[in-house]
């Protein structure tokens, strides 16, 4: 009798609990990836162009996955896009190559014109918009701008390409706080530690220390 009672007790005191499937936590939304200046077409052209300048490969993600177009968009919406801290009064003369841009147009206006001209050049040469071109065709368009084969009347095609190239590199490696370098993957490809508060614990080491990168965002008060 005791055995039966014990058996019943064991069965009722440990009922088989229903198995609840574990739902993985959703990936955090990067609210920094929101347009502040570009319209949708400008953004997509910039995204495609920067991906050809810094394409993804076996070494890591390219400009698209790193959010470089968002970085450029945010910069154009800032004082940088409006040349807010630069002297922008006349007279305007063509500068030497070492002097950089010497015109009256603001950077955001240069991008407006250049992206429209990239689209026009693509349509004229390939009868397709830039984002619809094959990668090698996009490369040819960018090369035409880099070498001034693309003849623009309002701006310098090569001057724009130089700005686009520099902005792409900045978007790859700048702090993620500014919209690019998504998940600090640009830094991770270079084993760059980001914005560490201190190196006192490793400064005396004789060998290379690989440190997980830290963004400026992590130092902000919460």
C-alpha atoms as a PDB file:
ATOM      1  CA  UNK A   1       0.000   0.000   0.000  1.00  0.00           C
ATOM      2  CA  UNK A   2       2.767   2.308   0.913  1.00  0.00           C
ATOM      3  CA  UNK A   3       4.416   1.555  -2.400  1.00  0.00           C
ATOM      4  CA  UNK A   4       1.275   2.465  -4.278  1.00  0.00           C
ATOM      5  CA  UNK A   5       0.839   5.694  -2.302  1.00  0.00           C
ATOM      6  CA  UNK A   6       4.456   6.558  -2.854  1.00  0.00           C
ATOM      7  CA  UNK A   7       4.094   5.902  -6.552  1.00  0.00           C
ATOM      8  CA  UNK A   8       1.003   8.085  -6.783  1.00  0.00           C
ATOM      9  CA  UNK A   9       2.749  10.831  -4.827  1.00  0.00           C
ATOM     10  CA  UNK A  10       5.704  10.801  -7.153  1.00  0.00           C
ATOM     11  CA  UNK A  11       3.476  11.044 -10.208  1.00  0.00           C
ATOM     12  CA  UNK A  12       1.280  13.868  -8.921  1.00  0.00           C
ATOM     13  CA  UNK A  13       4.001  15.936  -7.264  1.00  0.00           C
ATOM     14  CA  UNK A  14       6.121  16.138 -10.446  1.00  0.00           C
ATOM     15  CA  UNK A  15       3.691  16.562 -13.322  1.00  0.00           C
ATOM     16  CA  UNK A  16       5.218  16.921 -16.725  1.00  0.00           C
ATOM     17  CA  UNK A  17       5.436  20.673 -17.298  1.00  0.00           C
ATOM     18  CA  UNK A  18       4.554  21.922 -20.794  1.00  0.00           C
ATOM     19  CA  UNK A  19       7.590  22.824 -22.832  1.00  0.00           C
ATOM     20  CA  UNK A  20       7.590  26.513 -23.745  1.00  0.00           C
ATOM     21  CA  UNK A  21       9.606  27.240 -26.871  1.00  0.00           C
ATOM     22  CA  UNK A  22      12.380  29.755 -26.325  1.00  0.00           C
ATOM     23  CA  UNK A  23      11.916  32.784 -28.548  1.00  0.00           C
ATOM     24  CA  UNK A  24      15.190  34.524 -29.374  1.00  0.00           C
ATOM     25  CA  UNK A  25      15.344  38.149 -28.313  1.00  0.00           C
ATOM     26  CA  UNK A  26      14.732  40.488 -31.244  1.00  0.00           C
ATOM     27  CA  UNK A  27      17.762  42.315 -32.531  1.00  0.00           C
ATOM     28  CA  UNK A  28      17.996  45.831 -31.166  1.00  0.00           C
ATOM     29  CA  UNK A  29      16.785  48.483 -33.603  1.00  0.00           C
ATOM     30  CA  UNK A  30      19.421  50.989 -34.617  1.00  0.00           C
ATOM     31  CA  UNK A  31      17.429  54.203 -34.477  1.00  0.00           C
ATOM     32  CA  UNK A  32      20.490  56.089 -35.702  1.00  0.00           C
ATOM     33  CA  UNK A  33      19.832  54.635 -39.159  1.00  0.00           C
ATOM     34  CA  UNK A  34      17.190  57.169 -40.166  1.00  0.00           C
ATOM     35  CA  UNK A  35      17.395  59.688 -42.987  1.00  0.00           C
ATOM     36  CA  UNK A  36      18.000  63.304 -42.051  1.00  0.00           C
ATOM     37  CA  UNK A  37      18.801  64.873 -45.436  1.00  0.00           C
ATOM     38  CA  UNK A  38      18.625  62.517 -48.442  1.00  0.00           C
ATOM     39  CA  UNK A  39      15.448  61.562 -50.185  1.00  0.00           C
ATOM     40  CA  UNK A  40      15.022  57.839 -50.876  1.00  0.00           C
ATOM     41  CA  UNK A  41      16.547  57.929 -54.370  1.00  0.00           C
ATOM     42  CA  UNK A  42      19.598  59.914 -53.236  1.00  0.00           C
ATOM     43  CA  UNK A  43      20.126  57.528 -50.368  1.00  0.00           C
ATOM     44  CA  UNK A  44      19.965  54.420 -52.568  1.00  0.00           C
ATOM     45  CA  UNK A  45      22.406  55.876 -55.121  1.00  0.00           C
ATOM     46  CA  UNK A  46      24.814  56.814 -52.336  1.00  0.00           C
ATOM     47  CA  UNK A  47      24.449  53.391 -50.742  1.00  0.00           C
ATOM     48  CA  UNK A  48      25.203  51.637 -54.049  1.00  0.00           C
ATOM     49  CA  UNK A  49      28.145  53.932 -54.878  1.00  0.00           C
ATOM     50  CA  UNK A  50      29.796  53.593 -51.474  1.00  0.00           C
ATOM     51  CA  UNK A  51      29.401  49.800 -51.618  1.00  0.00           C
ATOM     52  CA  UNK A  52      31.446  49.792 -54.835  1.00  0.00           C
ATOM     53  CA  UNK A  53      34.103  51.977 -53.188  1.00  0.00           C
ATOM     54  CA  UNK A  54      34.208  49.734 -50.098  1.00  0.00           C
ATOM     55  CA  UNK A  55      32.642  46.390 -51.075  1.00  0.00           C
ATOM     56  CA  UNK A  56      32.007  43.557 -48.672  1.00  0.00           C
ATOM     57  CA  UNK A  57      34.235  40.488 -49.028  1.00  0.00           C
ATOM     58  CA  UNK A  58      35.668  37.610 -46.996  1.00  0.00           C
ATOM     59  CA  UNK A  59      37.411  40.124 -44.737  1.00  0.00           C
ATOM     60  CA  UNK A  60      34.180  41.698 -43.540  1.00  0.00           C
ATOM     61  CA  UNK A  61      31.125  43.781 -44.412  1.00  0.00           C
ATOM     62  CA  UNK A  62      31.036  46.516 -47.010  1.00  0.00           C
ATOM     63  CA  UNK A  63      29.774  50.064 -46.889  1.00  0.00           C
ATOM     64  CA  UNK A  64      26.115  49.051 -47.187  1.00  0.00           C
ATOM     65  CA  UNK A  65      26.127  46.771 -44.142  1.00  0.00           C
ATOM     66  CA  UNK A  66      28.244  49.291 -42.235  1.00  0.00           C
ATOM     67  CA  UNK A  67      25.626  52.006 -42.788  1.00  0.00           C
ATOM     68  CA  UNK A  68      27.990  54.381 -44.583  1.00  0.00           C
ATOM     69  CA  UNK A  69      25.187  56.056 -46.553  1.00  0.00           C
ATOM     70  CA  UNK A  70      23.488  56.932 -43.258  1.00  0.00           C
ATOM     71  CA  UNK A  71      26.748  58.452 -42.019  1.00  0.00           C
ATOM     72  CA  UNK A  72      26.976  60.652 -45.139  1.00  0.00           C
ATOM     73  CA  UNK A  73      23.305  61.594 -44.839  1.00  0.00           C
ATOM     74  CA  UNK A  74      23.809  62.702 -41.221  1.00  0.00           C
ATOM     75  CA  UNK A  75      26.923  64.673 -42.124  1.00  0.00           C
ATOM     76  CA  UNK A  76      25.076  66.526 -44.880  1.00  0.00           C
ATOM     77  CA  UNK A  77      22.334  67.418 -42.404  1.00  0.00           C
ATOM     78  CA  UNK A  78      24.963  68.872 -40.059  1.00  0.00           C
ATOM     79  CA  UNK A  79      27.125  71.992 -40.279  1.00  0.00           C
ATOM     80  CA  UNK A  80      29.528  70.009 -42.468  1.00  0.00           C
ATOM     81  CA  UNK A  81      26.874  69.791 -45.177  1.00  0.00           C
ATOM     82  CA  UNK A  82      26.198  73.509 -44.950  1.00  0.00           C
ATOM     83  CA  UNK A  83      29.883  74.490 -44.683  1.00  0.00           C
ATOM     84  CA  UNK A  84      28.799  76.138 -41.453  1.00  0.00           C
ATOM     85  CA  UNK A  85      32.297  76.731 -40.100  1.00  0.00           C
ATOM     86  CA  UNK A  86      33.981  77.751 -43.333  1.00  0.00           C
ATOM     87  CA  UNK A  87      34.435  81.064 -45.126  1.00  0.00           C
ATOM     88  CA  UNK A  88      31.970  81.002 -48.015  1.00  0.00           C
ATOM     89  CA  UNK A  89      32.071  84.586 -49.334  1.00  0.00           C
ATOM     90  CA  UNK A  90      33.412  85.668 -52.740  1.00  0.00           C
ATOM     91  CA  UNK A  91      35.323  86.253 -54.838  1.00  0.00           C
ATOM     92  CA  UNK A  92      35.405  82.670 -56.133  1.00  0.00           C
ATOM     93  CA  UNK A  93      38.310  81.545 -58.286  1.00  0.00           C
ATOM     94  CA  UNK A  94      39.351  78.107 -59.459  1.00  0.00           C
ATOM     95  CA  UNK A  95      41.754  76.837 -56.818  1.00  0.00           C
ATOM     96  CA  UNK A  96      44.907  74.802 -57.165  1.00  0.00           C
ATOM     97  CA  UNK A  97      44.620  71.052 -56.612  1.00  0.00           C
ATOM     98  CA  UNK A  98      46.265  71.481 -53.224  1.00  0.00           C
ATOM     99  CA  UNK A  99      43.665  74.039 -52.123  1.00  0.00           C
ATOM    100  CA  UNK A 100      40.566  71.904 -52.356  1.00  0.00           C
ATOM    101  CA  UNK A 101      37.110  73.169 -53.195  1.00  0.00           C
ATOM    102  CA  UNK A 102      36.878  76.929 -53.757  1.00  0.00           C
ATOM    103  CA  UNK A 103      33.311  77.350 -55.020  1.00  0.00           C
ATOM    104  CA  UNK A 104      30.124  78.915 -53.711  1.00  0.00           C
ATOM    105  CA  UNK A 105      28.087  75.704 -53.453  1.00  0.00           C
ATOM    106  CA  UNK A 106      27.599  74.031 -50.114  1.00  0.00           C
ATOM    107  CA  UNK A 107      28.490  70.363 -49.747  1.00  0.00           C
ATOM    108  CA  UNK A 108      24.868  69.282 -49.594  1.00  0.00           C
ATOM    109  CA  UNK A 109      24.231  71.171 -52.835  1.00  0.00           C
ATOM    110  CA  UNK A 110      27.241  69.480 -54.436  1.00  0.00           C
ATOM    111  CA  UNK A 111      25.824  66.078 -53.453  1.00  0.00           C
ATOM    112  CA  UNK A 112      22.397  67.030 -54.780  1.00  0.00           C
ATOM    113  CA  UNK A 113      23.873  67.924 -58.159  1.00  0.00           C
ATOM    114  CA  UNK A 114      26.371  65.058 -58.337  1.00  0.00           C
ATOM    115  CA  UNK A 115      23.901  62.311 -57.462  1.00  0.00           C
ATOM    116  CA  UNK A 116      21.493  63.633 -60.084  1.00  0.00           C
ATOM    117  CA  UNK A 117      24.334  63.732 -62.643  1.00  0.00           C
ATOM    118  CA  UNK A 118      25.368  60.166 -61.759  1.00  0.00           C
ATOM    119  CA  UNK A 119      21.828  59.096 -62.497  1.00  0.00           C
ATOM    120  CA  UNK A 120      21.795  61.070 -65.780  1.00  0.00           C
ATOM    121  CA  UNK A 121      25.174  59.657 -66.850  1.00  0.00           C
ATOM    122  CA  UNK A 122      23.996  56.110 -66.102  1.00  0.00           C
ATOM    123  CA  UNK A 123      20.812  56.609 -68.090  1.00  0.00           C
ATOM    124  CA  UNK A 124      22.704  58.115 -71.007  1.00  0.00           C
ATOM    125  CA  UNK A 125      25.335  55.366 -71.174  1.00  0.00           C
ATOM    126  CA  UNK A 126      23.399  52.279 -70.079  1.00  0.00           C
ATOM    127  CA  UNK A 127      19.710  53.320 -70.315  1.00  0.00           C
ATOM    128  CA  UNK A 128      19.336  52.334 -66.655  1.00  0.00           C
ATOM    129  CA  UNK A 129      19.523  54.142 -63.352  1.00  0.00           C
ATOM    130  CA  UNK A 130      22.695  53.798 -61.282  1.00  0.00           C
ATOM    131  CA  UNK A 131      21.206  51.393 -58.738  1.00  0.00           C
ATOM    132  CA  UNK A 132      20.033  49.068 -61.547  1.00  0.00           C
ATOM    133  CA  UNK A 133      23.495  48.756 -63.099  1.00  0.00           C
ATOM    134  CA  UNK A 134      25.702  45.694 -62.789  1.00  0.00           C
ATOM    135  CA  UNK A 135      28.647  46.162 -60.371  1.00  0.00           C
ATOM    136  CA  UNK A 136      31.162  46.570 -63.194  1.00  0.00           C
ATOM    137  CA  UNK A 137      28.933  49.199 -64.826  1.00  0.00           C
ATOM    138  CA  UNK A 138      28.675  51.096 -61.543  1.00  0.00           C
ATOM    139  CA  UNK A 139      32.464  50.964 -61.306  1.00  0.00           C
ATOM    140  CA  UNK A 140      32.716  52.433 -64.802  1.00  0.00           C
ATOM    141  CA  UNK A 141      30.421  55.321 -63.843  1.00  0.00           C
ATOM    142  CA  UNK A 142      32.428  56.041 -60.701  1.00  0.00           C
ATOM    143  CA  UNK A 143      35.661  55.872 -62.723  1.00  0.00           C
ATOM    144  CA  UNK A 144      34.214  58.364 -65.207  1.00  0.00           C
ATOM    145  CA  UNK A 145      33.602  60.755 -62.328  1.00  0.00           C
ATOM    146  CA  UNK A 146      37.019  60.140 -60.776  1.00  0.00           C
ATOM    147  CA  UNK A 147      38.829  60.929 -64.039  1.00  0.00           C
ATOM    148  CA  UNK A 148      36.504  63.757 -65.174  1.00  0.00           C
ATOM    149  CA  UNK A 149      35.456  61.693 -68.166  1.00  0.00           C
ATOM    150  CA  UNK A 150      31.970  62.651 -67.058  1.00  0.00           C
ATOM    151  CA  UNK A 151      31.666  66.279 -68.120  1.00  0.00           C
ATOM    152  CA  UNK A 152      29.690  68.308 -65.602  1.00  0.00           C
ATOM    153  CA  UNK A 153      29.094  72.020 -65.973  1.00  0.00           C
ATOM    154  CA  UNK A 154      28.187  73.033 -62.431  1.00  0.00           C
ATOM    155  CA  UNK A 155      30.660  71.048 -60.329  1.00  0.00           C
ATOM    156  CA  UNK A 156      33.874  69.082 -60.717  1.00  0.00           C
ATOM    157  CA  UNK A 157      33.118  65.386 -61.194  1.00  0.00           C
ATOM    158  CA  UNK A 158      36.517  64.391 -59.804  1.00  0.00           C
ATOM    159  CA  UNK A 159      36.113  66.799 -56.900  1.00  0.00           C
ATOM    160  CA  UNK A 160      32.844  65.133 -55.970  1.00  0.00           C
ATOM    161  CA  UNK A 161      34.355  61.656 -56.262  1.00  0.00           C
ATOM    162  CA  UNK A 162      37.171  62.667 -53.946  1.00  0.00           C
ATOM    163  CA  UNK A 163      34.647  63.905 -51.388  1.00  0.00           C
ATOM    164  CA  UNK A 164      32.541  60.765 -51.774  1.00  0.00           C
ATOM    165  CA  UNK A 165      35.589  58.522 -51.372  1.00  0.00           C
ATOM    166  CA  UNK A 166      36.761  60.366 -48.255  1.00  0.00           C
ATOM    167  CA  UNK A 167      33.281  60.328 -46.743  1.00  0.00           C
ATOM    168  CA  UNK A 168      33.009  56.608 -47.418  1.00  0.00           C
ATOM    169  CA  UNK A 169      36.211  55.904 -45.511  1.00  0.00           C
ATOM    170  CA  UNK A 170      35.036  58.133 -42.670  1.00  0.00           C
ATOM    171  CA  UNK A 171      31.720  56.291 -42.523  1.00  0.00           C
ATOM    172  CA  UNK A 172      33.494  52.936 -42.351  1.00  0.00           C
ATOM    173  CA  UNK A 173      35.772  53.912 -39.466  1.00  0.00           C
ATOM    174  CA  UNK A 174      34.063  56.771 -37.582  1.00  0.00           C
ATOM    175  CA  UNK A 175      32.428  56.124 -34.243  1.00  0.00           C
ATOM    176  CA  UNK A 176      29.016  54.434 -34.687  1.00  0.00           C
ATOM    177  CA  UNK A 177      27.529  57.390 -32.830  1.00  0.00           C
ATOM    178  CA  UNK A 178      27.622  59.255 -36.153  1.00  0.00           C
ATOM    179  CA  UNK A 179      25.594  56.722 -38.134  1.00  0.00           C
ATOM    180  CA  UNK A 180      28.173  54.472 -39.826  1.00  0.00           C
ATOM    181  CA  UNK A 181      30.555  51.707 -38.681  1.00  0.00           C
ATOM    182  CA  UNK A 182      27.524  49.597 -37.787  1.00  0.00           C
ATOM    183  CA  UNK A 183      28.123  47.370 -34.723  1.00  0.00           C
ATOM    184  CA  UNK A 184      31.717  48.648 -34.763  1.00  0.00           C
ATOM    185  CA  UNK A 185      32.482  46.114 -37.501  1.00  0.00           C
ATOM    186  CA  UNK A 186      34.753  48.580 -39.309  1.00  0.00           C
ATOM    187  CA  UNK A 187      36.916  48.739 -36.193  1.00  0.00           C
ATOM    188  CA  UNK A 188      36.748  44.981 -35.664  1.00  0.00           C
ATOM    189  CA  UNK A 189      38.239  44.362 -39.112  1.00  0.00           C
ATOM    190  CA  UNK A 190      41.256  46.442 -38.054  1.00  0.00           C
ATOM    191  CA  UNK A 191      41.392  45.258 -34.429  1.00  0.00           C
ATOM    192  CA  UNK A 192      40.932  48.907 -33.467  1.00  0.00           C
ATOM    193  CA  UNK A 193      39.837  49.309 -29.836  1.00  0.00           C
ATOM    194  CA  UNK A 194      37.652  52.352 -30.373  1.00  0.00           C
ATOM    195  CA  UNK A 195      37.239  54.889 -27.601  1.00  0.00           C
ATOM    196  CA  UNK A 196      38.671  53.173 -24.551  1.00  0.00           C
ATOM    197  CA  UNK A 197      38.741  55.121 -21.312  1.00  0.00           C
ATOM    198  CA  UNK A 198      42.150  53.794 -20.292  1.00  0.00           C
ATOM    199  CA  UNK A 199      44.943  51.448 -21.343  1.00  0.00           C
ATOM    200  CA  UNK A 200      46.720  51.320 -17.988  1.00  0.00           C
ATOM    201  CA  UNK A 201      46.127  47.587 -17.558  1.00  0.00           C
ATOM    202  CA  UNK A 202      47.863  46.642 -20.832  1.00  0.00           C
ATOM    203  CA  UNK A 203      50.240  49.525 -21.605  1.00  0.00           C
ATOM    204  CA  UNK A 204      53.232  47.657 -20.174  1.00  0.00           C
ATOM    205  CA  UNK A 205      52.615  44.450 -22.125  1.00  0.00           C
ATOM    206  CA  UNK A 206      55.166  43.414 -24.723  1.00  0.00           C
ATOM    207  CA  UNK A 207      52.649  41.690 -27.004  1.00  0.00           C
ATOM    208  CA  UNK A 208      49.695  42.979 -28.973  1.00  0.00           C
ATOM    209  CA  UNK A 209      46.512  43.042 -26.910  1.00  0.00           C
ATOM    210  CA  UNK A 210      43.254  42.501 -28.785  1.00  0.00           C
ATOM    211  CA  UNK A 211      40.542  44.546 -27.074  1.00  0.00           C
ATOM    212  CA  UNK A 212      36.821  44.560 -27.750  1.00  0.00           C
ATOM    213  CA  UNK A 213      36.038  48.012 -29.220  1.00  0.00           C
ATOM    214  CA  UNK A 214      34.024  50.590 -27.300  1.00  0.00           C
ATOM    215  CA  UNK A 215      31.878  53.337 -28.821  1.00  0.00           C
ATOM    216  CA  UNK A 216      31.493  56.870 -27.524  1.00  0.00           C
ATOM    217  CA  UNK A 217      27.831  56.008 -26.975  1.00  0.00           C
ATOM    218  CA  UNK A 218      28.841  53.678 -24.152  1.00  0.00           C
ATOM    219  CA  UNK A 219      30.442  56.599 -22.295  1.00  0.00           C
ATOM    220  CA  UNK A 220      27.329  58.783 -22.470  1.00  0.00           C
ATOM    221  CA  UNK A 221      25.255  59.199 -19.295  1.00  0.00           C
ATOM    222  CA  UNK A 222      22.154  57.012 -19.290  1.00  0.00           C
END
